[in-house]
PDB file of N, CA and C in Angstrom:
ATOM      1  N   MET A   1    -102.824  14.239  46.568  1.00  0.00           N
ATOM      2  CA  MET A   1    -102.794  15.257  47.599  1.00  0.00           C
ATOM      3  C   MET A   1    -103.708  16.425  47.202  1.00  0.00           C
ATOM      4  N   GLU A   2    -103.750  16.710  45.897  1.00  0.00           N
ATOM      5  CA  GLU A   2    -104.626  17.793  45.446  1.00  0.00           C
ATOM      6  C   GLU A   2    -106.089  17.438  45.670  1.00  0.00           C
ATOM      7  N   GLU A   3    -106.441  16.169  45.487  1.00  0.00           N
ATOM      8  CA  GLU A   3    -107.812  15.737  45.738  1.00  0.00           C
ATOM      9  C   GLU A   3    -108.168  15.896  47.214  1.00  0.00           C
ATOM     10  N   ILE A   4    -107.228  15.584  48.069  1.00  0.00           N
ATOM     11  CA  ILE A   4    -107.455  15.740  49.513  1.00  0.00           C
ATOM     12  C   ILE A   4    -107.683  17.209  49.837  1.00  0.00           C
ATOM     13  N   ARG A   5    -106.841  18.062  49.250  1.00  0.00           N
ATOM     14  CA  ARG A   5    -107.003  19.503  49.494  1.00  0.00           C
ATOM     15  C   ARG A   5    -108.370  19.975  49.017  1.00  0.00           C
ATOM     16  N   ASP A   6    -108.762  19.576  47.814  1.00  0.00           N
ATOM     17  CA  ASP A   6    -110.058  19.997  47.272  1.00  0.00           C
ATOM     18  C   ASP A   6    -111.210  19.495  48.132  1.00  0.00           C
ATOM     19  N   ASN A   7    -111.080  18.268  48.628  1.00  0.00           N
ATOM     20  CA  ASN A   7    -112.102  17.716  49.499  1.00  0.00           C
ATOM     21  C   ASN A   7    -112.196  18.503  50.804  1.00  0.00           C
ATOM     22  N   LEU A   8    -111.057  18.894  51.336  1.00  0.00           N
ATOM     23  CA  LEU A   8    -111.061  19.685  52.578  1.00  0.00           C
ATOM     24  C   LEU A   8    -111.731  21.034  52.365  1.00  0.00           C
ATOM     25  N   VAL A   9    -111.486  21.668  51.227  1.00  0.00           N
ATOM     26  CA  VAL A   9    -112.116  22.962  50.917  1.00  0.00           C
ATOM     27  C   VAL A   9    -113.642  22.788  50.879  1.00  0.00           C
ATOM     28  N   ALA A  10    -114.106  21.733  50.241  1.00  0.00           N
ATOM     29  CA  ALA A  10    -115.545  21.468  50.161  1.00  0.00           C
ATOM     30  C   ALA A  10    -116.127  21.186  51.545  1.00  0.00           C
ATOM     31  N   ARG A  11    -115.397  20.444  52.347  1.00  0.00           N
ATOM     32  CA  ARG A  11    -115.880  20.131  53.696  1.00  0.00           C
ATOM     33  C   ARG A  11    -115.908  21.368  54.582  1.00  0.00           C
ATOM     34  N   ILE A  12    -114.966  22.277  54.392  1.00  0.00           N
ATOM     35  CA  ILE A  12    -114.965  23.535  55.155  1.00  0.00           C
ATOM     36  C   ILE A  12    -116.194  24.361  54.783  1.00  0.00           C
ATOM     37  N   ALA A  13    -116.499  24.442  53.489  1.00  0.00           N
ATOM     38  CA  ALA A  13    -117.680  25.185  53.043  1.00  0.00           C
ATOM     39  C   ALA A  13    -118.953  24.596  53.647  1.00  0.00           C
ATOM     40  N   GLU A  14    -119.037  23.263  53.654  1.00  0.00           N
ATOM     41  CA  GLU A  14    -120.208  22.610  54.241  1.00  0.00           C
ATOM     42  C   GLU A  14    -120.302  22.901  55.735  1.00  0.00           C
ATOM     43  N   ALA A  15    -119.187  22.804  56.430  1.00  0.00           N
ATOM     44  CA  ALA A  15    -119.186  23.041  57.882  1.00  0.00           C
ATOM     45  C   ALA A  15    -119.566  24.488  58.194  1.00  0.00           C
ATOM     46  N   GLU A  16    -119.125  25.423  57.369  1.00  0.00           N
ATOM     47  CA  GLU A  16    -119.494  26.835  57.589  1.00  0.00           C
ATOM     48  C   GLU A  16    -120.992  27.041  57.362  1.00  0.00           C
ATOM     49  N   ARG A  17    -121.560  26.394  56.333  1.00  0.00           N
ATOM     50  CA  ARG A  17    -123.006  26.500  56.063  1.00  0.00           C
ATOM     51  C   ARG A  17    -123.821  25.940  57.223  1.00  0.00           C
ATOM     52  N   GLU A  18    -123.325  24.851  57.785  1.00  0.00           N
ATOM     53  CA  GLU A  18    -124.056  24.185  58.856  1.00  0.00           C
ATOM     54  C   GLU A  18    -123.783  24.800  60.234  1.00  0.00           C
ATOM     55  N   GLY A  19    -122.794  25.686  60.311  1.00  0.00           N
ATOM     56  CA  GLY A  19    -122.486  26.327  61.585  1.00  0.00           C
ATOM     57  C   GLY A  19    -121.659  25.471  62.519  1.00  0.00           C
ATOM     58  N   TRP A  20    -120.908  24.534  61.976  1.00  0.00           N
ATOM     59  CA  TRP A  20    -120.069  23.654  62.782  1.00  0.00           C
ATOM     60  C   TRP A  20    -118.694  24.309  62.968  1.00  0.00           C
ATOM     61  N   LEU A  21    -118.633  25.267  63.877  1.00  0.00           N
ATOM     62  CA  LEU A  21    -117.425  26.080  64.029  1.00  0.00           C
ATOM     63  C   LEU A  21    -116.206  25.261  64.458  1.00  0.00           C
ATOM     64  N   GLY A  22    -116.382  24.312  65.344  1.00  0.00           N
ATOM     65  CA  GLY A  22    -115.260  23.481  65.775  1.00  0.00           C
ATOM     66  C   GLY A  22    -114.730  22.635  64.626  1.00  0.00           C
ATOM     67  N   GLU A  23    -115.651  22.135  63.819  1.00  0.00           N
ATOM     68  CA  GLU A  23    -115.262  21.332  62.656  1.00  0.00           C
ATOM     69  C   GLU A  23    -114.508  22.190  61.643  1.00  0.00           C
ATOM     70  N   VAL A  24    -114.959  23.436  61.464  1.00  0.00           N
ATOM     71  CA  VAL A  24    -114.299  24.359  60.524  1.00  0.00           C
ATOM     72  C   VAL A  24    -112.851  24.556  60.925  1.00  0.00           C
ATOM     73  N   GLU A  25    -112.616  24.774  62.196  1.00  0.00           N
ATOM     74  CA  GLU A  25    -111.244  25.020  62.664  1.00  0.00           C
ATOM     75  C   GLU A  25    -110.353  23.803  62.441  1.00  0.00           C
ATOM     76  N   GLY A  26    -110.849  22.627  62.772  1.00  0.00           N
ATOM     77  CA  GLY A  26    -110.062  21.411  62.565  1.00  0.00           C
ATOM     78  C   GLY A  26    -109.765  21.164  61.097  1.00  0.00           C
ATOM     79  N   LEU A  27    -110.750  21.408  60.232  1.00  0.00           N
ATOM     80  CA  LEU A  27    -110.544  21.223  58.797  1.00  0.00           C
ATOM     81  C   LEU A  27    -109.546  22.233  58.245  1.00  0.00           C
ATOM     82  N   ARG A  28    -109.564  23.433  58.768  1.00  0.00           N
ATOM     83  CA  ARG A  28    -108.587  24.441  58.316  1.00  0.00           C
ATOM     84  C   ARG A  28    -107.160  24.048  58.692  1.00  0.00           C
ATOM     85  N   VAL A  29    -106.996  23.442  59.847  1.00  0.00           N
ATOM     86  CA  VAL A  29    -105.671  22.954  60.239  1.00  0.00           C
ATOM     87  C   VAL A  29    -105.226  21.850  59.271  1.00  0.00           C
ATOM     88  N   SER A  30    -106.137  20.954  58.953  1.00  0.00           N
ATOM     89  CA  SER A  30    -105.815  19.885  57.998  1.00  0.00           C
ATOM     90  C   SER A  30    -105.513  20.452  56.616  1.00  0.00           C
ATOM     91  N   LEU A  31    -106.268  21.466  56.204  1.00  0.00           N
ATOM     92  CA  LEU A  31    -106.047  22.098  54.904  1.00  0.00           C
ATOM     93  C   LEU A  31    -104.673  22.752  54.848  1.00  0.00           C
ATOM     94  N   ALA A  32    -104.282  23.422  55.922  1.00  0.00           N
ATOM     95  CA  ALA A  32    -102.954  24.043  55.962  1.00  0.00           C
ATOM     96  C   ALA A  32    -101.864  22.982  55.831  1.00  0.00           C
ATOM     97  N   GLY A  33    -102.041  21.851  56.480  1.00  0.00           N
ATOM     98  CA  GLY A  33    -101.067  20.766  56.376  1.00  0.00           C
ATOM     99  C   GLY A  33    -101.001  20.202  54.969  1.00  0.00           C
ATOM    100  N   ALA A  34    -102.150  20.035  54.321  1.00  0.00           N
ATOM    101  CA  ALA A  34    -102.186  19.508  52.958  1.00  0.00           C
ATOM    102  C   ALA A  34    -101.523  20.480  51.983  1.00  0.00           C
ATOM    103  N   GLU A  35    -101.798  21.776  52.144  1.00  0.00           N
ATOM    104  CA  GLU A  35    -101.180  22.771  51.256  1.00  0.00           C
ATOM    105  C   GLU A  35     -99.670  22.826  51.464  1.00  0.00           C
ATOM    106  N   ASP A  36     -99.234  22.696  52.714  1.00  0.00           N
ATOM    107  CA  ASP A  36     -97.797  22.679  53.003  1.00  0.00           C
ATOM    108  C   ASP A  36     -97.136  21.464  52.346  1.00  0.00           C
ATOM    109  N   LYS A  37     -97.796  20.331  52.423  1.00  0.00           N
ATOM    110  CA  LYS A  37     -97.271  19.110  51.806  1.00  0.00           C
ATOM    111  C   LYS A  37     -97.175  19.265  50.288  1.00  0.00           C
ATOM    112  N   LEU A  38     -98.173  19.880  49.673  1.00  0.00           N
ATOM    113  CA  LEU A  38     -98.135  20.118  48.231  1.00  0.00           C
ATOM    114  C   LEU A  38     -96.968  21.018  47.842  1.00  0.00           C
ATOM    115  N   VAL A  39     -96.700  22.034  48.645  1.00  0.00           N
ATOM    116  CA  VAL A  39     -95.571  22.927  48.371  1.00  0.00           C
ATOM    117  C   VAL A  39     -94.267  22.140  48.405  1.00  0.00           C
ATOM    118  N   HIS A  40     -94.098  21.297  49.397  1.00  0.00           N
ATOM    119  CA  HIS A  40     -92.878  20.491  49.507  1.00  0.00           C
ATOM    120  C   HIS A  40     -92.754  19.513  48.340  1.00  0.00           C
ATOM    121  N   MET A  41     -93.863  18.930  47.940  1.00  0.00           N
ATOM    122  CA  MET A  41     -93.838  17.998  46.818  1.00  0.00           C
ATOM    123  C   MET A  41     -93.461  18.721  45.524  1.00  0.00           C
ATOM    124  N   ASP A  42     -93.985  19.929  45.340  1.00  0.00           N
ATOM    125  CA  ASP A  42     -93.658  20.712  44.142  1.00  0.00           C
ATOM    126  C   ASP A  42     -92.185  21.086  44.123  1.00  0.00           C
ATOM    127  N   ARG A  43     -91.652  21.433  45.264  1.00  0.00           N
ATOM    128  CA  ARG A  43     -90.227  21.794  45.336  1.00  0.00           C
ATOM    129  C   ARG A  43     -89.346  20.612  44.959  1.00  0.00           C
ATOM    130  N   ARG A  44     -89.688  19.451  45.449  1.00  0.00           N
ATOM    131  CA  ARG A  44     -88.892  18.258  45.141  1.00  0.00           C
ATOM    132  C   ARG A  44     -88.976  17.902  43.663  1.00  0.00           C
ATOM    133  N   ALA A  45     -90.159  18.042  43.099  1.00  0.00           N
ATOM    134  CA  ALA A  45     -90.354  17.663  41.701  1.00  0.00           C
ATOM    135  C   ALA A  45     -89.651  18.633  40.755  1.00  0.00           C
ATOM    136  N   SER A  46     -89.676  19.913  41.078  1.00  0.00           N
ATOM    137  CA  SER A  46     -89.113  20.903  40.156  1.00  0.00           C
ATOM    138  C   SER A  46     -87.655  21.228  40.435  1.00  0.00           C
ATOM    139  N   GLY A  47     -87.230  21.125  41.659  1.00  0.00           N
ATOM    140  CA  GLY A  47     -85.877  21.552  42.008  1.00  0.00           C
ATOM    141  C   GLY A  47     -84.869  20.433  42.128  1.00  0.00           C
ATOM    142  N   GLY A  48     -85.291  19.238  41.858  1.00  0.00           N
ATOM    143  CA  GLY A  48     -84.387  18.106  42.016  1.00  0.00           C
ATOM    144  C   GLY A  48     -83.327  18.064  40.930  1.00  0.00           C
ATOM    145  N   THR A  49     -82.162  17.665  41.314  1.00  0.00           N
ATOM    146  CA  THR A  49     -81.090  17.500  40.340  1.00  0.00           C
ATOM    147  C   THR A  49     -80.644  16.046  40.364  1.00  0.00           C
ATOM    148  N   ALA A  50     -80.273  15.576  39.205  1.00  0.00           N
ATOM    149  CA  ALA A  50     -79.818  14.192  39.105  1.00  0.00           C
ATOM    150  C   ALA A  50     -78.406  14.078  39.674  1.00  0.00           C
ATOM    151  N   ILE A  51     -78.164  13.003  40.329  1.00  0.00           N
ATOM    152  CA  ILE A  51     -76.836  12.736  40.884  1.00  0.00           C
ATOM    153  C   ILE A  51     -76.272  11.524  40.174  1.00  0.00           C
ATOM    154  N   ASP A  52     -75.099  11.683  39.591  1.00  0.00           N
ATOM    155  CA  ASP A  52     -74.465  10.578  38.884  1.00  0.00           C
ATOM    156  C   ASP A  52     -73.812   9.648  39.900  1.00  0.00           C
ATOM    157  N   LEU A  53     -74.313   8.435  39.957  1.00  0.00           N
ATOM    158  CA  LEU A  53     -73.765   7.452  40.890  1.00  0.00           C
ATOM    159  C   LEU A  53     -72.719   6.568  40.234  1.00  0.00           C
ATOM    160  N   GLY A  54     -72.524   6.748  38.936  1.00  0.00           N
ATOM    161  CA  GLY A  54     -71.542   5.932  38.237  1.00  0.00           C
ATOM    162  C   GLY A  54     -72.103   4.563  37.922  1.00  0.00           C
ATOM    163  N   MET A  55     -71.312   3.797  37.230  1.00  0.00           N
ATOM    164  CA  MET A  55     -71.705   2.437  36.882  1.00  0.00           C
ATOM    165  C   MET A  55     -71.194   1.470  37.945  1.00  0.00           C
ATOM    166  N   PRO A  56     -72.020   0.530  38.343  1.00  0.00           N
ATOM    167  CA  PRO A  56     -71.566  -0.446  39.335  1.00  0.00           C
ATOM    168  C   PRO A  56     -70.538  -1.385  38.720  1.00  0.00           C
ATOM    169  N   ARG A  57     -69.595  -1.795  39.519  1.00  0.00           N
ATOM    170  CA  ARG A  57     -68.602  -2.775  39.070  1.00  0.00           C
ATOM    171  C   ARG A  57     -69.004  -4.139  39.593  1.00  0.00           C
ATOM    172  N   ILE A  58     -68.926  -5.098  38.729  1.00  0.00           N
ATOM    173  CA  ILE A  58     -69.280  -6.459  39.119  1.00  0.00           C
ATOM    174  C   ILE A  58     -67.986  -7.240  39.300  1.00  0.00           C
ATOM    175  N   ALA A  59     -67.807  -7.734  40.495  1.00  0.00           N
ATOM    176  CA  ALA A  59     -66.590  -8.497  40.794  1.00  0.00           C
ATOM    177  C   ALA A  59     -66.636  -9.827  40.052  1.00  0.00           C
ATOM    178  N   PRO A  60     -65.480 -10.304  39.590  1.00  0.00           N
ATOM    179  CA  PRO A  60     -65.466 -11.605  38.904  1.00  0.00           C
ATOM    180  C   PRO A  60     -65.877 -12.709  39.877  1.00  0.00           C
ATOM    181  N   ALA A  61     -66.513 -13.722  39.335  1.00  0.00           N
ATOM    182  CA  ALA A  61     -66.973 -14.840  40.155  1.00  0.00           C
ATOM    183  C   ALA A  61     -65.774 -15.592  40.717  1.00  0.00           C
ATOM    184  N   GLN A  62     -65.908 -16.038  41.923  1.00  0.00           N
ATOM    185  CA  GLN A  62     -64.847 -16.821  42.545  1.00  0.00           C
ATOM    186  C   GLN A  62     -65.347 -18.245  42.708  1.00  0.00           C
ATOM    187  N   ILE A  63     -64.546 -19.186  42.279  1.00  0.00           N
ATOM    188  CA  ILE A  63     -64.911 -20.593  42.412  1.00  0.00           C
ATOM    189  C   ILE A  63     -64.588 -21.039  43.824  1.00  0.00           C
ATOM    190  N   LYS A  64     -65.585 -21.603  44.469  1.00  0.00           N
ATOM    191  CA  LYS A  64     -65.414 -22.078  45.835  1.00  0.00           C
ATOM    192  C   LYS A  64     -65.304 -23.595  45.798  1.00  0.00           C
ATOM    193  N   GLN A  65     -64.275 -24.104  46.369  1.00  0.00           N
ATOM    194  CA  GLN A  65     -64.066 -25.550  46.402  1.00  0.00           C
ATOM    195  C   GLN A  65     -64.988 -26.154  47.445  1.00  0.00           C
ATOM    196  N   VAL A  66     -65.824 -27.076  47.014  1.00  0.00           N
ATOM    197  CA  VAL A  66     -66.751 -27.746  47.905  1.00  0.00           C
ATOM    198  C   VAL A  66     -66.355 -29.212  47.950  1.00  0.00           C
ATOM    199  N   GLU A  67     -66.466 -29.800  49.116  1.00  0.00           N
ATOM    200  CA  GLU A  67     -66.079 -31.207  49.271  1.00  0.00           C
ATOM    201  C   GLU A  67     -66.839 -32.084  48.286  1.00  0.00           C
ATOM    202  N   GLY A  68     -66.118 -32.942  47.584  1.00  0.00           N
ATOM    203  CA  GLY A  68     -66.731 -33.855  46.634  1.00  0.00           C
ATOM    204  C   GLY A  68     -66.834 -33.286  45.230  1.00  0.00           C
ATOM    205  N   THR A  69     -66.223 -32.145  44.974  1.00  0.00           N
ATOM    206  CA  THR A  69     -66.311 -31.548  43.640  1.00  0.00           C
ATOM    207  C   THR A  69     -64.958 -31.526  42.946  1.00  0.00           C
ATOM    208  N   ASP A  70     -64.010 -32.322  43.417  1.00  0.00           N
ATOM    209  CA  ASP A  70     -62.681 -32.340  42.804  1.00  0.00           C
ATOM    210  C   ASP A  70     -62.750 -32.696  41.325  1.00  0.00           C
ATOM    211  N   SER A  71     -63.551 -33.665  40.975  1.00  0.00           N
ATOM    212  CA  SER A  71     -63.613 -34.086  39.570  1.00  0.00           C
ATOM    213  C   SER A  71     -64.205 -32.977  38.706  1.00  0.00           C
ATOM    214  N   LEU A  72     -65.177 -32.206  39.226  1.00  0.00           N
ATOM    215  CA  LEU A  72     -65.757 -31.102  38.478  1.00  0.00           C
ATOM    216  C   LEU A  72     -64.720 -30.014  38.251  1.00  0.00           C
ATOM    217  N   THR A  73     -63.974 -29.662  39.280  1.00  0.00           N
ATOM    218  CA  THR A  73     -62.924 -28.652  39.143  1.00  0.00           C
ATOM    219  C   THR A  73     -61.873 -29.111  38.167  1.00  0.00           C
ATOM    220  N   GLN A  74     -61.492 -30.375  38.242  1.00  0.00           N
ATOM    221  CA  GLN A  74     -60.480 -30.923  37.321  1.00  0.00           C
ATOM    222  C   GLN A  74     -60.979 -30.848  35.887  1.00  0.00           C
ATOM    223  N   SER A  75     -62.255 -31.207  35.645  1.00  0.00           N
ATOM    224  CA  SER A  75     -62.773 -31.187  34.288  1.00  0.00           C
ATOM    225  C   SER A  75     -62.871 -29.766  33.760  1.00  0.00           C
ATOM    226  N   LEU A  76     -63.164 -28.818  34.627  1.00  0.00           N
ATOM    227  CA  LEU A  76     -63.193 -27.407  34.201  1.00  0.00           C
ATOM    228  C   LEU A  76     -61.783 -26.943  33.833  1.00  0.00           C
ATOM    229  N   ASP A  77     -60.785 -27.370  34.622  1.00  0.00           N
ATOM    230  CA  ASP A  77     -59.404 -26.989  34.323  1.00  0.00           C
ATOM    231  C   ASP A  77     -58.945 -27.605  33.011  1.00  0.00           C
ATOM    232  N   ASP A  78     -59.371 -28.841  32.719  1.00  0.00           N
ATOM    233  CA  ASP A  78     -58.976 -29.523  31.483  1.00  0.00           C
ATOM    234  C   ASP A  78     -59.560 -28.825  30.258  1.00  0.00           C
ATOM    235  N   GLN A  79     -60.719 -28.187  30.384  1.00  0.00           N
ATOM    236  CA  GLN A  79     -61.344 -27.539  29.245  1.00  0.00           C
ATOM    237  C   GLN A  79     -60.655 -26.228  28.873  1.00  0.00           C
ATOM    238  N   GLN A  80     -59.929 -25.642  29.773  1.00  0.00           N
ATOM    239  CA  GLN A  80     -59.306 -24.336  29.503  1.00  0.00           C
ATOM    240  C   GLN A  80     -58.030 -24.519  28.848  1.00  0.00           C
TER     241      GLN A  80
END
């Protein structure tokens, strides 16, 4: 964003040298928008506070009985 702002400043200087008054006005509007955006970005970067969201809880896996898996479920039960 700073590069955009710097580019706009250079383009305004060029437009003023060349006498492109309409271009100067449009570039100044764009420059004001870029500077406003930089201010907002600076506020977010410096004034932000961390929010503790806590640790996520992972639910235990649930075994779903699928047709044709009786022997697999039985063998799992036998191992426990």
